[in-house]
Amino acid sequence: MNSFYSDTHPKMEALQIKLLRETPPWRKMEMLAELNKAARELALAGLRQRYPEADETTLLRYLGNILLGSDIAGRVYAELEDRA
């Protein structure tokens, strides 16, 4: 088996893979949701540093551009503005 991690002992890597394989699907989905949440929080933290004067609405718009791409985010926000 090829190693996934260059800094992990092969026995520990094998144990980690075994445990992940034994993890029920619902828990894997929960872990994925936690990773997505952490990634969004990190992205927002970076946006706050980059644009310290921006309000929360603007920061969320910037995050939407990152996550969806500016074309799709622009269409989504245009629809939201039309509804207001």
N, C-alpha and C. Protein backbone atom coordinates (compact mmCIF):
# COMPACT_ATOMS: atom_id res chain seq x y z
N MET A 1 0.85 -1.19 0.00
CA MET A 1 0.00 0.00 0.00
C MET A 1 0.88 1.24 0.00
N ASN A 2 0.56 2.21 -0.84
CA ASN A 2 1.29 3.47 -0.88
C ASN A 2 0.95 4.30 0.34
N SER A 3 1.92 5.07 0.79
CA SER A 3 1.71 5.94 1.94
C SER A 3 1.04 7.24 1.49
N PHE A 4 0.06 7.69 2.28
CA PHE A 4 -0.61 8.96 2.00
C PHE A 4 0.12 10.12 2.66
N TYR A 5 0.74 9.84 3.82
CA TYR A 5 1.36 10.89 4.62
C TYR A 5 2.84 10.60 4.81
N SER A 6 3.68 11.54 4.44
CA SER A 6 5.12 11.33 4.57
C SER A 6 5.60 11.49 6.01
N ASP A 7 4.79 12.13 6.86
CA ASP A 7 5.21 12.37 8.24
C ASP A 7 4.53 11.45 9.25
N THR A 8 3.88 10.39 8.78
CA THR A 8 3.15 9.48 9.67
C THR A 8 3.72 8.08 9.56
N HIS A 9 3.93 7.46 10.72
CA HIS A 9 4.43 6.08 10.74
C HIS A 9 3.43 5.18 10.02
N PRO A 10 3.90 4.25 9.21
CA PRO A 10 3.00 3.38 8.44
C PRO A 10 1.97 2.64 9.30
N LYS A 11 2.34 2.22 10.51
CA LYS A 11 1.37 1.52 11.37
C LYS A 11 0.25 2.46 11.81
N MET A 12 0.61 3.70 12.11
CA MET A 12 -0.41 4.67 12.53
C MET A 12 -1.30 5.05 11.35
N GLU A 13 -0.71 5.15 10.19
CA GLU A 13 -1.49 5.45 8.99
C GLU A 13 -2.48 4.31 8.71
N ALA A 14 -2.01 3.07 8.84
CA ALA A 14 -2.89 1.92 8.62
C ALA A 14 -4.04 1.92 9.62
N LEU A 15 -3.74 2.28 10.88
CA LEU A 15 -4.79 2.35 11.90
C LEU A 15 -5.79 3.45 11.56
N GLN A 16 -5.30 4.59 11.14
CA GLN A 16 -6.19 5.69 10.78
C GLN A 16 -7.11 5.29 9.63
N ILE A 17 -6.57 4.65 8.62
CA ILE A 17 -7.38 4.20 7.48
C ILE A 17 -8.41 3.17 7.92
N LYS A 18 -7.99 2.25 8.78
CA LYS A 18 -8.91 1.23 9.30
C LYS A 18 -10.08 1.89 10.04
N LEU A 19 -9.76 2.85 10.90
CA LEU A 19 -10.81 3.53 11.66
C LEU A 19 -11.74 4.32 10.75
N LEU A 20 -11.20 4.96 9.73
CA LEU A 20 -12.06 5.69 8.79
C LEU A 20 -12.98 4.74 8.02
N ARG A 21 -12.46 3.59 7.66
CA ARG A 21 -13.29 2.62 6.95
C ARG A 21 -14.41 2.09 7.83
N GLU A 22 -14.16 2.03 9.14
CA GLU A 22 -15.17 1.53 10.08
C GLU A 22 -16.17 2.60 10.50
N THR A 23 -15.88 3.84 10.18
CA THR A 23 -16.74 4.95 10.57
C THR A 23 -18.05 4.88 9.80
N PRO A 24 -19.19 4.98 10.51
CA PRO A 24 -20.48 4.93 9.81
C PRO A 24 -20.67 6.16 8.90
N PRO A 25 -21.44 5.98 7.84
CA PRO A 25 -21.64 7.08 6.89
C PRO A 25 -22.15 8.37 7.53
N TRP A 26 -23.06 8.26 8.51
CA TRP A 26 -23.59 9.47 9.13
C TRP A 26 -22.48 10.26 9.81
N ARG A 27 -21.51 9.55 10.41
CA ARG A 27 -20.41 10.24 11.09
C ARG A 27 -19.46 10.88 10.07
N LYS A 28 -19.25 10.20 8.94
CA LYS A 28 -18.41 10.79 7.90
C LYS A 28 -19.04 12.08 7.37
N MET A 29 -20.35 12.08 7.21
CA MET A 29 -21.04 13.29 6.76
C MET A 29 -20.93 14.40 7.81
N GLU A 30 -21.03 14.02 9.08
CA GLU A 30 -20.88 14.99 10.16
C GLU A 30 -19.47 15.60 10.15
N MET A 31 -18.46 14.75 9.95
CA MET A 31 -17.08 15.22 9.88
C MET A 31 -16.89 16.17 8.69
N LEU A 32 -17.49 15.83 7.57
CA LEU A 32 -17.40 16.68 6.38
C LEU A 32 -18.05 18.04 6.63
N ALA A 33 -19.20 18.03 7.29
CA ALA A 33 -19.88 19.29 7.61
C ALA A 33 -19.01 20.15 8.52
N GLU A 34 -18.34 19.52 9.49
CA GLU A 34 -17.46 20.25 10.39
C GLU A 34 -16.27 20.86 9.63
N LEU A 35 -15.72 20.10 8.69
CA LEU A 35 -14.61 20.62 7.87
C LEU A 35 -15.07 21.79 7.01
N ASN A 36 -16.25 21.67 6.42
CA ASN A 36 -16.79 22.77 5.60
C ASN A 36 -17.01 24.02 6.44
N LYS A 37 -17.54 23.83 7.66
CA LYS A 37 -17.76 24.97 8.56
C LYS A 37 -16.44 25.63 8.91
N ALA A 38 -15.43 24.83 9.21
CA ALA A 38 -14.12 25.38 9.55
C ALA A 38 -13.52 26.14 8.37
N ALA A 39 -13.67 25.60 7.17
CA ALA A 39 -13.14 26.27 5.98
C ALA A 39 -13.83 27.62 5.76
N ARG A 40 -15.14 27.66 5.95
CA ARG A 40 -15.87 28.93 5.79
C ARG A 40 -15.44 29.94 6.85
N GLU A 41 -15.27 29.47 8.09
CA GLU A 41 -14.84 30.37 9.15
C GLU A 41 -13.44 30.93 8.86
N LEU A 42 -12.55 30.07 8.37
CA LEU A 42 -11.20 30.54 8.01
C LEU A 42 -11.25 31.54 6.86
N ALA A 43 -12.09 31.25 5.88
CA ALA A 43 -12.22 32.17 4.74
C ALA A 43 -12.76 33.52 5.21
N LEU A 44 -13.76 33.50 6.09
CA LEU A 44 -14.31 34.76 6.62
C LEU A 44 -13.28 35.51 7.44
N ALA A 45 -12.49 34.79 8.22
CA ALA A 45 -11.43 35.44 9.01
C ALA A 45 -10.43 36.12 8.08
N GLY A 46 -10.08 35.45 6.99
CA GLY A 46 -9.17 36.05 6.02
C GLY A 46 -9.78 37.28 5.36
N LEU A 47 -11.07 37.22 5.05
CA LEU A 47 -11.75 38.37 4.45
C LEU A 47 -11.81 39.54 5.44
N ARG A 48 -12.02 39.23 6.72
CA ARG A 48 -12.05 40.29 7.73
C ARG A 48 -10.70 40.99 7.83
N GLN A 49 -9.62 40.22 7.71
CA GLN A 49 -8.29 40.83 7.73
C GLN A 49 -8.04 41.65 6.47
N ARG A 50 -8.50 41.14 5.36
CA ARG A 50 -8.26 41.82 4.08
C ARG A 50 -9.11 43.08 3.95
N TYR A 51 -10.33 43.04 4.48
CA TYR A 51 -11.26 44.17 4.39
C TYR A 51 -11.76 44.54 5.79
N PRO A 52 -10.91 45.15 6.62
CA PRO A 52 -11.28 45.42 8.01
C PRO A 52 -12.45 46.39 8.17
N GLU A 53 -12.71 47.21 7.17
CA GLU A 53 -13.81 48.18 7.26
C GLU A 53 -15.14 47.63 6.75
N ALA A 54 -15.13 46.44 6.15
CA ALA A 54 -16.35 45.88 5.55
C ALA A 54 -17.32 45.40 6.63
N ASP A 55 -18.61 45.61 6.38
CA ASP A 55 -19.62 45.09 7.30
C ASP A 55 -19.87 43.61 7.01
N GLU A 56 -20.65 42.98 7.88
CA GLU A 56 -20.87 41.53 7.77
C GLU A 56 -21.56 41.15 6.47
N THR A 57 -22.50 41.96 6.02
CA THR A 57 -23.20 41.67 4.77
C THR A 57 -22.23 41.66 3.59
N THR A 58 -21.35 42.63 3.57
CA THR A 58 -20.36 42.70 2.49
C THR A 58 -19.41 41.52 2.55
N LEU A 59 -18.98 41.17 3.76
CA LEU A 59 -18.08 40.02 3.91
C LEU A 59 -18.74 38.74 3.43
N LEU A 60 -20.02 38.58 3.74
CA LEU A 60 -20.73 37.38 3.28
C LEU A 60 -20.87 37.38 1.76
N ARG A 61 -21.02 38.54 1.18
CA ARG A 61 -21.06 38.64 -0.29
C ARG A 61 -19.73 38.22 -0.89
N TYR A 62 -18.64 38.68 -0.29
CA TYR A 62 -17.30 38.27 -0.75
C TYR A 62 -17.13 36.76 -0.60
N LEU A 63 -17.62 36.22 0.51
CA LEU A 63 -17.54 34.77 0.71
C LEU A 63 -18.34 34.05 -0.36
N GLY A 64 -19.51 34.58 -0.68
CA GLY A 64 -20.31 33.99 -1.75
C GLY A 64 -19.56 33.97 -3.07
N ASN A 65 -18.84 35.03 -3.35
CA ASN A 65 -18.03 35.07 -4.57
C ASN A 65 -16.96 33.99 -4.56
N ILE A 66 -16.36 33.76 -3.41
CA ILE A 66 -15.33 32.72 -3.30
C ILE A 66 -15.94 31.34 -3.48
N LEU A 67 -17.05 31.10 -2.80
CA LEU A 67 -17.64 29.75 -2.80
C LEU A 67 -18.37 29.41 -4.10
N LEU A 68 -19.04 30.39 -4.68
CA LEU A 68 -19.87 30.13 -5.85
C LEU A 68 -19.26 30.60 -7.16
N GLY A 69 -18.28 31.47 -7.06
CA GLY A 69 -17.78 32.14 -8.25
C GLY A 69 -18.57 33.42 -8.43
N SER A 70 -17.94 34.43 -8.99
CA SER A 70 -18.59 35.74 -9.07
C SER A 70 -19.82 35.74 -9.97
N ASP A 71 -19.83 34.92 -11.03
CA ASP A 71 -20.98 34.90 -11.94
C ASP A 71 -22.23 34.38 -11.23
N ILE A 72 -22.12 33.21 -10.61
CA ILE A 72 -23.29 32.63 -9.93
C ILE A 72 -23.67 33.47 -8.72
N ALA A 73 -22.68 33.92 -7.95
CA ALA A 73 -22.99 34.76 -6.78
C ALA A 73 -23.70 36.03 -7.22
N GLY A 74 -23.27 36.62 -8.32
CA GLY A 74 -23.94 37.83 -8.82
C GLY A 74 -25.39 37.58 -9.16
N ARG A 75 -25.67 36.43 -9.77
CA ARG A 75 -27.06 36.11 -10.11
C ARG A 75 -27.89 35.86 -8.86
N VAL A 76 -27.31 35.17 -7.88
CA VAL A 76 -28.02 34.89 -6.63
C VAL A 76 -28.35 36.19 -5.91
N TYR A 77 -27.34 37.05 -5.77
CA TYR A 77 -27.57 38.30 -5.06
C TYR A 77 -28.52 39.22 -5.82
N ALA A 78 -28.48 39.18 -7.14
CA ALA A 78 -29.42 39.98 -7.93
C ALA A 78 -30.85 39.54 -7.66
N GLU A 79 -31.07 38.22 -7.59
CA GLU A 79 -32.42 37.71 -7.28
C GLU A 79 -32.85 38.13 -5.89
N LEU A 80 -31.93 38.08 -4.93
CA LEU A 80 -32.28 38.49 -3.57
C LEU A 80 -32.64 39.97 -3.51
N GLU A 81 -31.90 40.79 -4.25
CA GLU A 81 -32.19 42.22 -4.28
C GLU A 81 -33.52 42.50 -4.96
N ASP A 82 -33.86 41.71 -5.98
CA ASP A 82 -35.15 41.88 -6.66
C ASP A 82 -36.31 41.56 -5.73
N ARG A 83 -36.12 40.62 -4.82
CA ARG A 83 -37.19 40.23 -3.90
C ARG A 83 -37.40 41.25 -2.80
N ALA A 84 -36.38 42.04 -2.51
CA ALA A 84 -36.46 43.00 -1.40
C ALA A 84 -37.33 44.19 -1.74
